């Protein structure tokens, strides 16, 4: 099975019982670099897919929680190479792994080298918030021969024609941003949001996962039937900050109020 197909299969399997699958985010090396493998294994045990955030100096799509985690991870010396080395040395996890990175670290690393290193590390794909579809040809050409996914993001204000193009191009899943703005805010799920998600699902050929601001069991319940999965990020980073169990917190998202 190609790496990008592993992502699709994991989300569909996670949503098979009627609940949205969980795509869980953690910033690599935060709160403590020495605990990265432990935290990653715990998150992977509770989620269907895991996003590993590559720390970056200017994470423009992220709110204060992930900005803070990124800055601290950089202070501790976390780099893209360090992440890939750690993943390569770890036993393979059940949950497919994606790297969530801004473009500059990937561009500096080199696309062909990145693709080969990602396969060796067990990475299945990438989410790159600041890489427009129109400028992704070179990276896609490096990733495609290895079956690595390049996930596309859509928003409530994406025009219909562009929404169709992004959904056609997206691999692994379509990342449906639930609001305009940055990550971390606790957002409601109005009827208009459900209509937007229905439009995305109508044209998507891969699963659709909603993200930005999902923090509670109530929000996950509201999205049941509207999406294939939910992306949880800032709230989970805060769980790790507090020293709580990410696996227990993710289990609670599936079954009772957090």
C-alpha atoms as a PDB file:
ATOM      1  CA  UNK A   1       0.000   0.000   0.000  1.00  0.00           C
ATOM      2  CA  UNK A   2       1.382   3.420  -0.930  1.00  0.00           C
ATOM      3  CA  UNK A   3       2.022   5.793   1.983  1.00  0.00           C
ATOM      4  CA  UNK A   4      -0.760   8.164   0.912  1.00  0.00           C
ATOM      5  CA  UNK A   5      -3.162   5.225   0.674  1.00  0.00           C
ATOM      6  CA  UNK A   6      -2.304   4.318   4.269  1.00  0.00           C
ATOM      7  CA  UNK A   7      -3.628   7.728   5.334  1.00  0.00           C
ATOM      8  CA  UNK A   8      -6.890   7.223   3.430  1.00  0.00           C
ATOM      9  CA  UNK A   9      -7.321   3.715   4.846  1.00  0.00           C
ATOM     10  CA  UNK A  10      -6.628   4.820   8.432  1.00  0.00           C
ATOM     11  CA  UNK A  11      -9.168   7.655   8.301  1.00  0.00           C
ATOM     12  CA  UNK A  12     -11.839   5.473   6.723  1.00  0.00           C
ATOM     13  CA  UNK A  13     -11.201   2.732   9.288  1.00  0.00           C
ATOM     14  CA  UNK A  14     -11.375   5.259  12.135  1.00  0.00           C
ATOM     15  CA  UNK A  15     -14.700   6.601  10.868  1.00  0.00           C
ATOM     16  CA  UNK A  16     -16.237   3.203  10.202  1.00  0.00           C
ATOM     17  CA  UNK A  17     -18.270   3.182  13.416  1.00  0.00           C
ATOM     18  CA  UNK A  18     -19.922   6.513  12.627  1.00  0.00           C
ATOM     19  CA  UNK A  19     -17.605   8.711  14.697  1.00  0.00           C
ATOM     20  CA  UNK A  20     -15.117  10.993  12.920  1.00  0.00           C
ATOM     21  CA  UNK A  21     -11.569   9.649  12.823  1.00  0.00           C
ATOM     22  CA  UNK A  22      -9.033  11.637  14.857  1.00  0.00           C
ATOM     23  CA  UNK A  23      -6.029  13.317  13.267  1.00  0.00           C
ATOM     24  CA  UNK A  24      -3.838  14.473  16.153  1.00  0.00           C
ATOM     25  CA  UNK A  25      -1.125  17.139  16.073  1.00  0.00           C
ATOM     26  CA  UNK A  26       1.951  17.565  18.240  1.00  0.00           C
ATOM     27  CA  UNK A  27       4.920  19.879  17.827  1.00  0.00           C
ATOM     28  CA  UNK A  28       8.078  17.793  17.513  1.00  0.00           C
ATOM     29  CA  UNK A  29      10.248  18.086  20.599  1.00  0.00           C
ATOM     30  CA  UNK A  30       7.745  20.003  22.720  1.00  0.00           C
ATOM     31  CA  UNK A  31       7.472  20.381  25.679  1.00  0.00           C
ATOM     32  CA  UNK A  32      10.747  18.443  26.050  1.00  0.00           C
ATOM     33  CA  UNK A  33      12.888  17.188  23.194  1.00  0.00           C
ATOM     34  CA  UNK A  34      13.899  14.129  25.221  1.00  0.00           C
ATOM     35  CA  UNK A  35      10.244  13.043  25.443  1.00  0.00           C
ATOM     36  CA  UNK A  36       9.463  13.218  21.734  1.00  0.00           C
ATOM     37  CA  UNK A  37       9.405   9.479  21.112  1.00  0.00           C
ATOM     38  CA  UNK A  38       7.322   8.859  24.234  1.00  0.00           C
ATOM     39  CA  UNK A  39       4.810  11.574  23.356  1.00  0.00           C
ATOM     40  CA  UNK A  40       4.580  10.517  19.723  1.00  0.00           C
ATOM     41  CA  UNK A  41       3.910   6.893  20.663  1.00  0.00           C
ATOM     42  CA  UNK A  42       1.197   7.951  23.130  1.00  0.00           C
ATOM     43  CA  UNK A  43      -0.509  10.230  20.606  1.00  0.00           C
ATOM     44  CA  UNK A  44      -0.300   7.554  17.892  1.00  0.00           C
ATOM     45  CA  UNK A  45      -1.913   5.043  20.258  1.00  0.00           C
ATOM     46  CA  UNK A  46      -4.937   7.320  20.670  1.00  0.00           C
ATOM     47  CA  UNK A  47      -5.302   8.752  17.162  1.00  0.00           C
ATOM     48  CA  UNK A  48      -5.928   7.377  13.688  1.00  0.00           C
ATOM     49  CA  UNK A  49      -3.391   9.655  11.978  1.00  0.00           C
ATOM     50  CA  UNK A  50      -0.672  11.857  13.511  1.00  0.00           C
ATOM     51  CA  UNK A  51       0.573  15.247  12.296  1.00  0.00           C
ATOM     52  CA  UNK A  52       4.074  16.094  13.487  1.00  0.00           C
ATOM     53  CA  UNK A  53       4.714  19.809  13.491  1.00  0.00           C
ATOM     54  CA  UNK A  54       8.126  20.900  12.225  1.00  0.00           C
ATOM     55  CA  UNK A  55       9.076  23.961  14.325  1.00  0.00           C
ATOM     56  CA  UNK A  56       9.333  27.165  12.331  1.00  0.00           C
ATOM     57  CA  UNK A  57      10.134  30.749  13.250  1.00  0.00           C
ATOM     58  CA  UNK A  58       7.027  32.256  11.616  1.00  0.00           C
ATOM     59  CA  UNK A  59       4.128  29.771  11.745  1.00  0.00           C
ATOM     60  CA  UNK A  60       1.623  32.139  10.131  1.00  0.00           C
ATOM     61  CA  UNK A  61      -1.404  29.820  10.229  1.00  0.00           C
ATOM     62  CA  UNK A  62      -0.973  28.960  13.899  1.00  0.00           C
ATOM     63  CA  UNK A  63      -2.248  30.633  17.034  1.00  0.00           C
ATOM     64  CA  UNK A  64      -0.407  31.365  20.252  1.00  0.00           C
ATOM     65  CA  UNK A  65      -0.248  27.805  21.579  1.00  0.00           C
ATOM     66  CA  UNK A  66       1.493  26.329  18.549  1.00  0.00           C
ATOM     67  CA  UNK A  67       3.621  29.455  18.085  1.00  0.00           C
ATOM     68  CA  UNK A  68       4.814  29.044  21.682  1.00  0.00           C
ATOM     69  CA  UNK A  69       5.512  25.354  21.222  1.00  0.00           C
ATOM     70  CA  UNK A  70       7.387  25.986  17.988  1.00  0.00           C
ATOM     71  CA  UNK A  71       9.604  28.652  19.531  1.00  0.00           C
ATOM     72  CA  UNK A  72      10.464  26.447  22.507  1.00  0.00           C
ATOM     73  CA  UNK A  73      11.213  23.429  20.306  1.00  0.00           C
ATOM     74  CA  UNK A  74      13.548  25.570  18.184  1.00  0.00           C
ATOM     75  CA  UNK A  75      15.238  26.787  21.368  1.00  0.00           C
ATOM     76  CA  UNK A  76      15.868  23.160  22.282  1.00  0.00           C
ATOM     77  CA  UNK A  77      17.515  22.515  18.923  1.00  0.00           C
ATOM     78  CA  UNK A  78      14.730  20.655  17.109  1.00  0.00           C
ATOM     79  CA  UNK A  79      15.263  20.641  13.335  1.00  0.00           C
ATOM     80  CA  UNK A  80      13.777  18.827  10.373  1.00  0.00           C
ATOM     81  CA  UNK A  81      16.854  16.588  10.208  1.00  0.00           C
ATOM     82  CA  UNK A  82      16.561  15.763  13.905  1.00  0.00           C
ATOM     83  CA  UNK A  83      12.896  14.807  13.449  1.00  0.00           C
ATOM     84  CA  UNK A  84      13.651  12.555  10.494  1.00  0.00           C
ATOM     85  CA  UNK A  85      16.522  10.923  12.380  1.00  0.00           C
ATOM     86  CA  UNK A  86      14.311  10.281  15.420  1.00  0.00           C
ATOM     87  CA  UNK A  87      11.549   8.766  13.291  1.00  0.00           C
ATOM     88  CA  UNK A  88      14.011   6.582  11.403  1.00  0.00           C
ATOM     89  CA  UNK A  89      15.375   5.217  14.694  1.00  0.00           C
ATOM     90  CA  UNK A  90      11.926   4.523  16.182  1.00  0.00           C
ATOM     91  CA  UNK A  91       9.857   1.366  15.717  1.00  0.00           C
ATOM     92  CA  UNK A  92       7.100   1.930  13.132  1.00  0.00           C
ATOM     93  CA  UNK A  93       3.837   3.100  14.652  1.00  0.00           C
ATOM     94  CA  UNK A  94       0.348   1.906  13.745  1.00  0.00           C
ATOM     95  CA  UNK A  95      -0.933   5.376  12.870  1.00  0.00           C
ATOM     96  CA  UNK A  96       0.287   6.951   9.613  1.00  0.00           C
ATOM     97  CA  UNK A  97       2.503   9.994  10.160  1.00  0.00           C
ATOM     98  CA  UNK A  98       2.448  13.311   8.325  1.00  0.00           C
ATOM     99  CA  UNK A  99       4.820  16.233   8.678  1.00  0.00           C
ATOM    100  CA  UNK A 100       3.115  19.606   9.031  1.00  0.00           C
ATOM    101  CA  UNK A 101       5.714  22.124   7.925  1.00  0.00           C
ATOM    102  CA  UNK A 102       6.006  25.535   6.404  1.00  0.00           C
ATOM    103  CA  UNK A 103       7.817  25.548   3.083  1.00  0.00           C
ATOM    104  CA  UNK A 104      11.209  27.046   3.952  1.00  0.00           C
ATOM    105  CA  UNK A 105      12.607  24.091   5.969  1.00  0.00           C
ATOM    106  CA  UNK A 106      11.567  21.678   3.200  1.00  0.00           C
ATOM    107  CA  UNK A 107      12.962  23.862   0.445  1.00  0.00           C
ATOM    108  CA  UNK A 108      16.261  24.199   2.308  1.00  0.00           C
ATOM    109  CA  UNK A 109      16.440  20.440   2.814  1.00  0.00           C
ATOM    110  CA  UNK A 110      15.896  19.703  -0.886  1.00  0.00           C
ATOM    111  CA  UNK A 111      12.807  18.032  -2.317  1.00  0.00           C
ATOM    112  CA  UNK A 112      14.372  14.840  -3.681  1.00  0.00           C
ATOM    113  CA  UNK A 113      16.411  14.324  -0.523  1.00  0.00           C
ATOM    114  CA  UNK A 114      13.308  15.029   1.567  1.00  0.00           C
ATOM    115  CA  UNK A 115      11.240  12.411  -0.244  1.00  0.00           C
ATOM    116  CA  UNK A 116      13.866   9.692   0.218  1.00  0.00           C
ATOM    117  CA  UNK A 117      14.449  10.582   3.883  1.00  0.00           C
ATOM    118  CA  UNK A 118      10.705  10.621   4.543  1.00  0.00           C
ATOM    119  CA  UNK A 119      10.258   7.092   3.213  1.00  0.00           C
ATOM    120  CA  UNK A 120      13.143   5.914   5.404  1.00  0.00           C
ATOM    121  CA  UNK A 121      11.528   7.617   8.412  1.00  0.00           C
ATOM    122  CA  UNK A 122       8.051   6.164   7.833  1.00  0.00           C
ATOM    123  CA  UNK A 123       6.454   9.505   6.919  1.00  0.00           C
ATOM    124  CA  UNK A 124       3.387   9.174   4.692  1.00  0.00           C
ATOM    125  CA  UNK A 125       2.845  12.753   3.585  1.00  0.00           C
ATOM    126  CA  UNK A 126       2.946  16.498   4.149  1.00  0.00           C
ATOM    127  CA  UNK A 127       0.701  19.411   5.083  1.00  0.00           C
ATOM    128  CA  UNK A 128       2.228  22.748   4.037  1.00  0.00           C
ATOM    129  CA  UNK A 129       0.008  25.746   4.890  1.00  0.00           C
ATOM    130  CA  UNK A 130       2.047  28.312   2.952  1.00  0.00           C
ATOM    131  CA  UNK A 131       2.447  26.331  -0.284  1.00  0.00           C
ATOM    132  CA  UNK A 132      -0.298  27.226  -2.777  1.00  0.00           C
ATOM    133  CA  UNK A 133      -1.460  24.497  -5.141  1.00  0.00           C
ATOM    134  CA  UNK A 134      -0.229  26.540  -8.106  1.00  0.00           C
ATOM    135  CA  UNK A 135       3.340  26.483  -6.741  1.00  0.00           C
ATOM    136  CA  UNK A 136       3.436  22.849  -5.602  1.00  0.00           C
ATOM    137  CA  UNK A 137       4.418  21.182  -8.897  1.00  0.00           C
ATOM    138  CA  UNK A 138       8.113  20.769  -8.053  1.00  0.00           C
ATOM    139  CA  UNK A 139       7.471  19.267  -4.623  1.00  0.00           C
ATOM    140  CA  UNK A 140       4.699  17.055  -5.976  1.00  0.00           C
ATOM    141  CA  UNK A 141       7.056  15.731  -8.654  1.00  0.00           C
ATOM    142  CA  UNK A 142       9.496  14.666  -5.926  1.00  0.00           C
ATOM    143  CA  UNK A 143       6.852  13.107  -3.679  1.00  0.00           C
ATOM    144  CA  UNK A 144       4.719  11.285  -6.260  1.00  0.00           C
ATOM    145  CA  UNK A 145       7.208   8.530  -7.237  1.00  0.00           C
ATOM    146  CA  UNK A 146       7.354   7.530  -3.555  1.00  0.00           C
ATOM    147  CA  UNK A 147       3.567   7.606  -3.061  1.00  0.00           C
ATOM    148  CA  UNK A 148       3.832  10.398  -0.493  1.00  0.00           C
ATOM    149  CA  UNK A 149       0.752  12.542   0.093  1.00  0.00           C
ATOM    150  CA  UNK A 150       0.524  16.283  -0.341  1.00  0.00           C
ATOM    151  CA  UNK A 151      -2.580  17.341   1.585  1.00  0.00           C
ATOM    152  CA  UNK A 152      -4.426  20.425   0.321  1.00  0.00           C
ATOM    153  CA  UNK A 153      -6.285  22.887   2.557  1.00  0.00           C
ATOM    154  CA  UNK A 154      -9.617  24.564   1.798  1.00  0.00           C
ATOM    155  CA  UNK A 155     -11.505  27.226   3.752  1.00  0.00           C
ATOM    156  CA  UNK A 156     -15.081  28.506   4.046  1.00  0.00           C
ATOM    157  CA  UNK A 157     -14.230  31.326   1.619  1.00  0.00           C
ATOM    158  CA  UNK A 158     -12.506  29.217  -1.054  1.00  0.00           C
ATOM    159  CA  UNK A 159     -14.336  29.896  -4.368  1.00  0.00           C
ATOM    160  CA  UNK A 160     -16.197  26.916  -5.816  1.00  0.00           C
ATOM    161  CA  UNK A 161     -13.928  26.455  -8.851  1.00  0.00           C
ATOM    162  CA  UNK A 162     -10.767  26.554  -6.745  1.00  0.00           C
ATOM    163  CA  UNK A 163     -12.357  24.292  -4.130  1.00  0.00           C
ATOM    164  CA  UNK A 164     -12.911  21.682  -6.853  1.00  0.00           C
ATOM    165  CA  UNK A 165      -9.276  21.999  -8.018  1.00  0.00           C
ATOM    166  CA  UNK A 166      -7.902  21.651  -4.490  1.00  0.00           C
ATOM    167  CA  UNK A 167     -10.084  18.636  -3.739  1.00  0.00           C
ATOM    168  CA  UNK A 168      -9.071  17.007  -7.016  1.00  0.00           C
ATOM    169  CA  UNK A 169      -5.382  17.476  -6.202  1.00  0.00           C
ATOM    170  CA  UNK A 170      -5.444  16.571  -2.512  1.00  0.00           C
ATOM    171  CA  UNK A 171      -3.920  13.265  -1.415  1.00  0.00           C
ATOM    172  CA  UNK A 172      -4.485  11.412   1.853  1.00  0.00           C
ATOM    173  CA  UNK A 173      -7.333  13.711   2.850  1.00  0.00           C
ATOM    174  CA  UNK A 174      -8.702  17.180   2.251  1.00  0.00           C
ATOM    175  CA  UNK A 175      -8.001  19.503   5.178  1.00  0.00           C
ATOM    176  CA  UNK A 176     -11.176  21.575   5.590  1.00  0.00           C
ATOM    177  CA  UNK A 177     -10.279  24.603   7.696  1.00  0.00           C
ATOM    178  CA  UNK A 178     -13.305  25.450   9.831  1.00  0.00           C
ATOM    179  CA  UNK A 179     -12.754  29.198  10.073  1.00  0.00           C
ATOM    180  CA  UNK A 180     -10.775  32.119   8.737  1.00  0.00           C
ATOM    181  CA  UNK A 181      -7.893  33.000  11.047  1.00  0.00           C
ATOM    182  CA  UNK A 182      -5.318  31.000  12.970  1.00  0.00           C
ATOM    183  CA  UNK A 183      -5.437  27.748  14.914  1.00  0.00           C
ATOM    184  CA  UNK A 184      -6.352  27.416  18.563  1.00  0.00           C
ATOM    185  CA  UNK A 185      -9.619  29.314  18.927  1.00  0.00           C
ATOM    186  CA  UNK A 186     -12.604  27.427  20.294  1.00  0.00           C
ATOM    187  CA  UNK A 187     -15.201  27.715  17.537  1.00  0.00           C
ATOM    188  CA  UNK A 188     -18.858  26.846  17.279  1.00  0.00           C
ATOM    189  CA  UNK A 189     -20.231  24.739  14.424  1.00  0.00           C
ATOM    190  CA  UNK A 190     -23.126  26.698  12.888  1.00  0.00           C
ATOM    191  CA  UNK A 191     -25.394  25.370  10.181  1.00  0.00           C
ATOM    192  CA  UNK A 192     -23.440  27.334   7.581  1.00  0.00           C
ATOM    193  CA  UNK A 193     -20.305  25.435   8.524  1.00  0.00           C
ATOM    194  CA  UNK A 194     -22.048  22.124   7.944  1.00  0.00           C
ATOM    195  CA  UNK A 195     -23.196  23.338   4.526  1.00  0.00           C
ATOM    196  CA  UNK A 196     -19.613  24.269   3.654  1.00  0.00           C
ATOM    197  CA  UNK A 197     -18.347  20.843   4.751  1.00  0.00           C
ATOM    198  CA  UNK A 198     -21.048  19.184   2.658  1.00  0.00           C
ATOM    199  CA  UNK A 199     -19.821  21.126  -0.388  1.00  0.00           C
ATOM    200  CA  UNK A 200     -16.275  19.920   0.250  1.00  0.00           C
ATOM    201  CA  UNK A 201     -17.334  16.283   0.638  1.00  0.00           C
ATOM    202  CA  UNK A 202     -19.404  16.484  -2.544  1.00  0.00           C
ATOM    203  CA  UNK A 203     -16.304  17.098  -4.674  1.00  0.00           C
ATOM    204  CA  UNK A 204     -13.561  15.362  -2.624  1.00  0.00           C
ATOM    205  CA  UNK A 205     -12.215  12.001  -3.792  1.00  0.00           C
ATOM    206  CA  UNK A 206     -10.405  11.326  -0.508  1.00  0.00           C
ATOM    207  CA  UNK A 207     -11.635  11.701   3.100  1.00  0.00           C
ATOM    208  CA  UNK A 208     -12.415  15.180   4.418  1.00  0.00           C
ATOM    209  CA  UNK A 209     -11.079  16.192   7.834  1.00  0.00           C
ATOM    210  CA  UNK A 210     -12.098  19.386   9.619  1.00  0.00           C
ATOM    211  CA  UNK A 211      -9.557  21.317  11.644  1.00  0.00           C
ATOM    212  CA  UNK A 212      -8.760  24.609  13.444  1.00  0.00           C
ATOM    213  CA  UNK A 213     -10.430  25.177  16.802  1.00  0.00           C
ATOM    214  CA  UNK A 214     -11.659  21.665  17.605  1.00  0.00           C
ATOM    215  CA  UNK A 215     -11.264  21.170  21.332  1.00  0.00           C
ATOM    216  CA  UNK A 216     -14.220  19.280  22.763  1.00  0.00           C
ATOM    217  CA  UNK A 217     -16.332  16.165  22.515  1.00  0.00           C
ATOM    218  CA  UNK A 218     -19.317  18.406  21.802  1.00  0.00           C
ATOM    219  CA  UNK A 219     -17.648  19.766  18.670  1.00  0.00           C
ATOM    220  CA  UNK A 220     -16.717  16.264  17.505  1.00  0.00           C
ATOM    221  CA  UNK A 221     -20.332  15.149  17.993  1.00  0.00           C
ATOM    222  CA  UNK A 222     -21.584  18.134  16.019  1.00  0.00           C
ATOM    223  CA  UNK A 223     -19.327  17.118  13.126  1.00  0.00           C
ATOM    224  CA  UNK A 224     -20.446  13.485  13.129  1.00  0.00           C
ATOM    225  CA  UNK A 225     -21.720  12.653   9.659  1.00  0.00           C
ATOM    226  CA  UNK A 226     -20.395  15.923   8.233  1.00  0.00           C
ATOM    227  CA  UNK A 227     -16.729  14.906   7.918  1.00  0.00           C
ATOM    228  CA  UNK A 228     -14.610  11.775   7.883  1.00  0.00           C
ATOM    229  CA  UNK A 229     -12.235  13.062  10.534  1.00  0.00           C
ATOM    230  CA  UNK A 230     -11.396  15.864  12.952  1.00  0.00           C
ATOM    231  CA  UNK A 231      -7.968  17.448  13.357  1.00  0.00           C
ATOM    232  CA  UNK A 232      -7.056  18.366  16.942  1.00  0.00           C
ATOM    233  CA  UNK A 233      -3.960  20.461  17.501  1.00  0.00           C
ATOM    234  CA  UNK A 234      -3.664  23.323  19.979  1.00  0.00           C
ATOM    235  CA  UNK A 235      -5.768  21.638  22.654  1.00  0.00           C
ATOM    236  CA  UNK A 236      -3.621  18.503  22.458  1.00  0.00           C
ATOM    237  CA  UNK A 237      -0.413  20.543  22.646  1.00  0.00           C
ATOM    238  CA  UNK A 238      -1.812  22.069  25.856  1.00  0.00           C
ATOM    239  CA  UNK A 239      -2.508  18.566  27.209  1.00  0.00           C
ATOM    240  CA  UNK A 240       1.166  17.739  26.684  1.00  0.00           C
ATOM    241  CA  UNK A 241       2.183  21.033  28.312  1.00  0.00           C
ATOM    242  CA  UNK A 242       0.199  20.106  31.420  1.00  0.00           C
ATOM    243  CA  UNK A 243       1.828  16.686  31.582  1.00  0.00           C
ATOM    244  CA  UNK A 244      -1.491  14.879  31.095  1.00  0.00           C
ATOM    245  CA  UNK A 245      -2.071  11.702  29.109  1.00  0.00           C
ATOM    246  CA  UNK A 246      -2.658  12.457  25.421  1.00  0.00           C
ATOM    247  CA  UNK A 247      -4.034   8.960  24.913  1.00  0.00           C
ATOM    248  CA  UNK A 248      -6.651   9.430  27.644  1.00  0.00           C
ATOM    249  CA  UNK A 249      -7.604  12.872  26.313  1.00  0.00           C
ATOM    250  CA  UNK A 250      -8.055  11.545  22.787  1.00  0.00           C
ATOM    251  CA  UNK A 251     -10.119   8.622  24.106  1.00  0.00           C
ATOM    252  CA  UNK A 252     -12.382  11.114  25.861  1.00  0.00           C
ATOM    253  CA  UNK A 253     -12.899  13.020  22.609  1.00  0.00           C
ATOM    254  CA  UNK A 254     -14.331   9.832  21.150  1.00  0.00           C
ATOM    255  CA  UNK A 255     -16.613   8.946  24.045  1.00  0.00           C
ATOM    256  CA  UNK A 256     -17.427  11.707  26.563  1.00  0.00           C
ATOM    257  CA  UNK A 257     -17.059  15.413  27.248  1.00  0.00           C
ATOM    258  CA  UNK A 258     -13.544  16.698  27.773  1.00  0.00           C
END
